[in-house]
Amino acid sequence: MEGRAKDRGLISIEDYTKFIADCLNRDFTYVSMDSQTLLTQAKAEGFNGRGTVKRMLEVVGGKNADLETNLGVAATFLDLVFHETKQEHLRDRYASMVLEAFCAPRQDKAIEVIKALTAQVSLRVFSLIEHAFWWLVGRTVGTPNFRQQVEEAKKSQLIRPVAIPPALRFRATERVRLLGSCFPN
């Protein structure tokens, strides 16, 4: 009922977030969250990366979570964080928290989880791909599959999303229109 009240505008996002945080702090086993709720809590905590927002992410990414749906929530949350702050260390902190929340319960499928997550995050955030794979490599130092993880991380750097942001696409289109193609026919 709370979610519907929030969607209808009967309760503010701040009050809804407080309600969700209270439910988590009382160890409710099922709590419905969305990316805006996660962002509101992160802002309320001053983007410090501790406290309730960390617990919220652990529930969203937990072993019993609906992986497909909740990866979408996490990806949208990271997009919101990346738009909200320009500080790279904060972006990396929240990316690491999301990765930890989703990969810790699925260590045997960590690469697949990372690929699924990075595929859903805004394509303008290229650094997330490298951060995610090098985060995984850092977690496997001293383990038998360390070399395999390093090779996967190297491959991830070669595979870049092909989408071009609209502003860059406009500039490239204008250059071709004015100067002609730089590719020979």
Protein backbone atom coordinates (compact mmCIF):
# COMPACT_ATOMS: atom_id res chain seq x y z
CA MET A 1 0.00 0.00 0.00
CA GLU A 2 2.87 2.42 0.77
CA GLY A 3 4.27 2.06 -2.76
CA ARG A 4 0.93 2.87 -4.33
CA ALA A 5 0.53 5.87 -2.02
CA LYS A 6 3.96 7.12 -3.11
CA ASP A 7 3.14 6.58 -6.78
CA ARG A 8 -0.12 8.52 -6.40
CA GLY A 9 1.63 11.41 -4.67
CA LEU A 10 -0.11 10.82 -1.34
CA ILE A 11 3.21 10.47 0.49
CA SER A 12 6.50 12.21 -0.24
CA ILE A 13 9.56 10.26 -1.38
CA GLU A 14 11.32 11.34 1.82
CA ASP A 15 8.55 9.92 4.04
CA TYR A 16 8.40 6.76 1.97
CA THR A 17 12.17 6.35 2.28
CA LYS A 18 11.95 6.79 6.06
CA PHE A 19 9.24 4.11 6.16
CA ILE A 20 11.37 1.68 4.11
CA ALA A 21 14.43 2.37 6.27
CA ASP A 22 12.37 1.76 9.40
CA CYS A 23 11.12 -1.56 8.00
CA LEU A 24 14.70 -2.62 7.23
CA ASN A 25 15.89 -1.63 10.67
CA ARG A 26 13.15 -3.81 12.15
CA ASP A 27 14.41 -6.79 10.07
CA PHE A 28 11.47 -7.10 7.72
CA THR A 29 12.35 -9.83 5.23
CA TYR A 30 10.54 -8.34 2.24
CA VAL A 31 10.77 -4.67 1.45
CA SER A 32 9.97 -3.19 -1.95
CA MET A 33 12.42 -0.51 -3.03
CA ASP A 34 13.03 1.53 -6.11
CA SER A 35 16.03 3.51 -7.32
CA GLN A 36 14.61 6.86 -6.20
CA THR A 37 14.21 5.53 -2.64
CA LEU A 38 17.84 4.41 -2.66
CA LEU A 39 18.99 7.81 -3.94
CA THR A 40 16.90 9.68 -1.37
CA GLN A 41 18.49 7.65 1.43
CA ALA A 42 21.99 8.16 0.00
CA LYS A 43 21.36 11.93 -0.08
CA ALA A 44 19.96 11.87 3.46
CA GLU A 45 23.19 10.22 4.63
CA GLY A 46 25.30 12.79 2.79
CA PHE A 47 26.59 10.22 0.28
CA ASN A 48 28.82 8.73 2.98
CA GLY A 49 28.21 5.16 1.79
CA ARG A 50 27.47 3.79 5.22
CA GLY A 51 24.42 3.08 7.28
CA THR A 52 20.98 2.42 5.96
CA VAL A 53 21.66 2.82 2.24
CA LYS A 54 24.26 0.04 2.46
CA ARG A 55 21.70 -2.20 4.18
CA MET A 56 19.11 -1.29 1.53
CA LEU A 57 21.50 -2.32 -1.23
CA GLU A 58 22.24 -5.60 0.56
CA VAL A 59 18.51 -6.37 0.51
CA VAL A 60 18.09 -5.32 -3.13
CA GLY A 61 21.04 -7.48 -4.19
CA GLY A 62 20.64 -10.28 -1.66
CA LYS A 63 20.67 -13.99 -2.45
CA ASN A 64 16.86 -14.21 -2.49
CA ALA A 65 16.38 -11.11 -4.63
CA ASP A 66 14.81 -11.15 -8.08
CA LEU A 67 18.09 -10.66 -9.93
CA GLU A 68 16.71 -9.42 -13.25
CA THR A 69 14.37 -6.83 -11.74
CA ASN A 70 16.73 -5.69 -9.01
CA LEU A 71 19.69 -5.28 -11.36
CA GLY A 72 17.48 -2.77 -13.18
CA VAL A 73 16.81 -0.97 -9.89
CA ALA A 74 20.54 -0.93 -9.09
CA ALA A 75 21.49 0.27 -12.57
CA THR A 76 18.97 3.12 -12.40
CA PHE A 77 20.23 3.98 -8.92
CA LEU A 78 23.81 4.20 -10.24
CA ASP A 79 22.63 6.39 -13.11
CA LEU A 80 20.97 8.70 -10.57
CA VAL A 81 24.09 8.78 -8.39
CA PHE A 82 26.25 9.53 -11.44
CA HIS A 83 23.94 12.40 -12.40
CA GLU A 84 23.69 13.69 -8.83
CA THR A 85 27.42 13.91 -8.08
CA LYS A 86 30.44 14.59 -10.23
CA GLN A 87 32.87 13.34 -7.57
CA GLU A 88 34.47 10.22 -8.97
CA HIS A 89 35.30 8.71 -5.57
CA LEU A 90 31.61 8.86 -4.59
CA ARG A 91 30.58 7.29 -7.88
CA ASP A 92 33.11 4.49 -7.39
CA ARG A 93 32.05 4.01 -3.77
CA TYR A 94 28.42 3.44 -4.72
CA ALA A 95 29.37 1.29 -7.70
CA SER A 96 31.44 -0.87 -5.33
CA MET A 97 28.56 -1.09 -2.86
CA VAL A 98 26.19 -2.25 -5.59
CA LEU A 99 28.74 -4.76 -6.89
CA GLU A 100 29.32 -6.11 -3.40
CA ALA A 101 25.59 -6.40 -2.73
CA PHE A 102 24.93 -8.36 -5.92
CA CYS A 103 28.15 -10.36 -6.29
CA ALA A 104 28.80 -11.47 -2.70
CA PRO A 105 25.82 -13.85 -2.65
CA ARG A 106 26.64 -15.04 -6.20
CA GLN A 107 30.41 -15.40 -6.22
CA ASP A 108 30.31 -18.16 -8.83
CA LYS A 109 28.32 -15.91 -11.20
CA ALA A 110 30.04 -12.60 -10.47
CA ILE A 111 31.18 -11.98 -14.05
CA GLU A 112 27.68 -12.56 -15.42
CA VAL A 113 26.19 -10.27 -12.76
CA ILE A 114 28.70 -7.52 -13.59
CA LYS A 115 28.02 -7.82 -17.31
CA ALA A 116 24.25 -7.69 -16.73
CA LEU A 117 24.58 -4.64 -14.46
CA THR A 118 26.94 -2.66 -16.69
CA ALA A 119 24.74 -3.40 -19.71
CA GLN A 120 21.83 -1.64 -17.98
CA VAL A 121 23.68 1.44 -16.72
CA SER A 122 23.76 4.56 -18.88
CA LEU A 123 26.21 4.07 -21.75
CA ARG A 124 27.83 7.43 -21.02
CA VAL A 125 29.45 5.97 -17.91
CA PHE A 126 32.33 4.09 -19.52
CA SER A 127 34.46 4.11 -16.35
CA LEU A 128 31.95 1.85 -14.59
CA ILE A 129 32.89 -1.07 -16.84
CA GLU A 130 36.56 -0.84 -15.91
CA HIS A 131 35.78 -0.17 -12.26
CA ALA A 132 33.49 -3.21 -12.07
CA PHE A 133 35.93 -5.66 -13.58
CA TRP A 134 38.95 -4.34 -11.69
CA TRP A 135 36.84 -4.43 -8.51
CA LEU A 136 36.29 -8.12 -9.19
CA VAL A 137 39.99 -8.69 -9.88
CA GLY A 138 40.85 -7.02 -6.57
CA ARG A 139 38.49 -9.40 -4.79
CA THR A 140 40.18 -12.47 -6.30
CA VAL A 141 43.82 -11.70 -5.48
CA GLY A 142 45.33 -14.87 -4.05
CA THR A 143 42.56 -17.16 -5.28
CA PRO A 144 42.91 -19.94 -7.87
CA ASN A 145 40.86 -18.07 -10.50
CA PHE A 146 42.81 -14.80 -10.21
CA ARG A 147 44.40 -15.08 -13.68
CA GLN A 148 41.04 -15.84 -15.28
CA GLN A 149 39.56 -12.70 -13.69
CA VAL A 150 42.47 -10.58 -14.93
CA GLU A 151 41.91 -11.85 -18.48
CA GLU A 152 38.18 -11.09 -18.23
CA ALA A 153 38.96 -7.57 -17.02
CA LYS A 154 41.36 -7.01 -19.91
CA LYS A 155 38.71 -8.16 -22.38
CA SER A 156 36.16 -5.79 -20.82
CA GLN A 157 38.42 -2.84 -21.62
CA LEU A 158 38.41 -3.75 -25.29
CA ILE A 159 34.64 -4.07 -25.53
CA ARG A 160 33.21 -0.57 -25.34
CA PRO A 161 29.55 0.37 -25.72
CA VAL A 162 29.01 1.71 -29.21
CA ALA A 163 26.32 4.29 -28.42
CA ILE A 164 27.35 7.89 -28.88
CA PRO A 165 25.88 10.58 -26.60
CA PRO A 166 23.53 12.97 -28.50
CA ALA A 167 25.81 16.03 -28.20
CA LEU A 168 28.77 14.14 -29.64
CA ARG A 169 26.59 12.56 -32.34
CA PHE A 170 25.42 16.06 -33.37
CA ARG A 171 29.02 17.35 -33.58
CA ALA A 172 30.15 14.33 -35.61
CA THR A 173 27.15 14.65 -37.95
CA GLU A 174 27.83 18.37 -38.45
CA ARG A 175 31.52 17.71 -39.18
CA VAL A 176 30.63 15.14 -41.84
CA ARG A 177 28.01 17.45 -43.32
CA LEU A 178 30.43 20.39 -43.51
CA LEU A 179 33.75 18.67 -44.25
CA GLY A 180 32.74 15.37 -45.79
CA SER A 181 33.42 11.87 -44.56
CA CYS A 182 36.86 11.02 -43.21
CA PHE A 183 36.38 7.44 -44.41
CA PRO A 184 37.41 6.69 -47.98
CA ASN A 185 34.70 5.24 -50.22
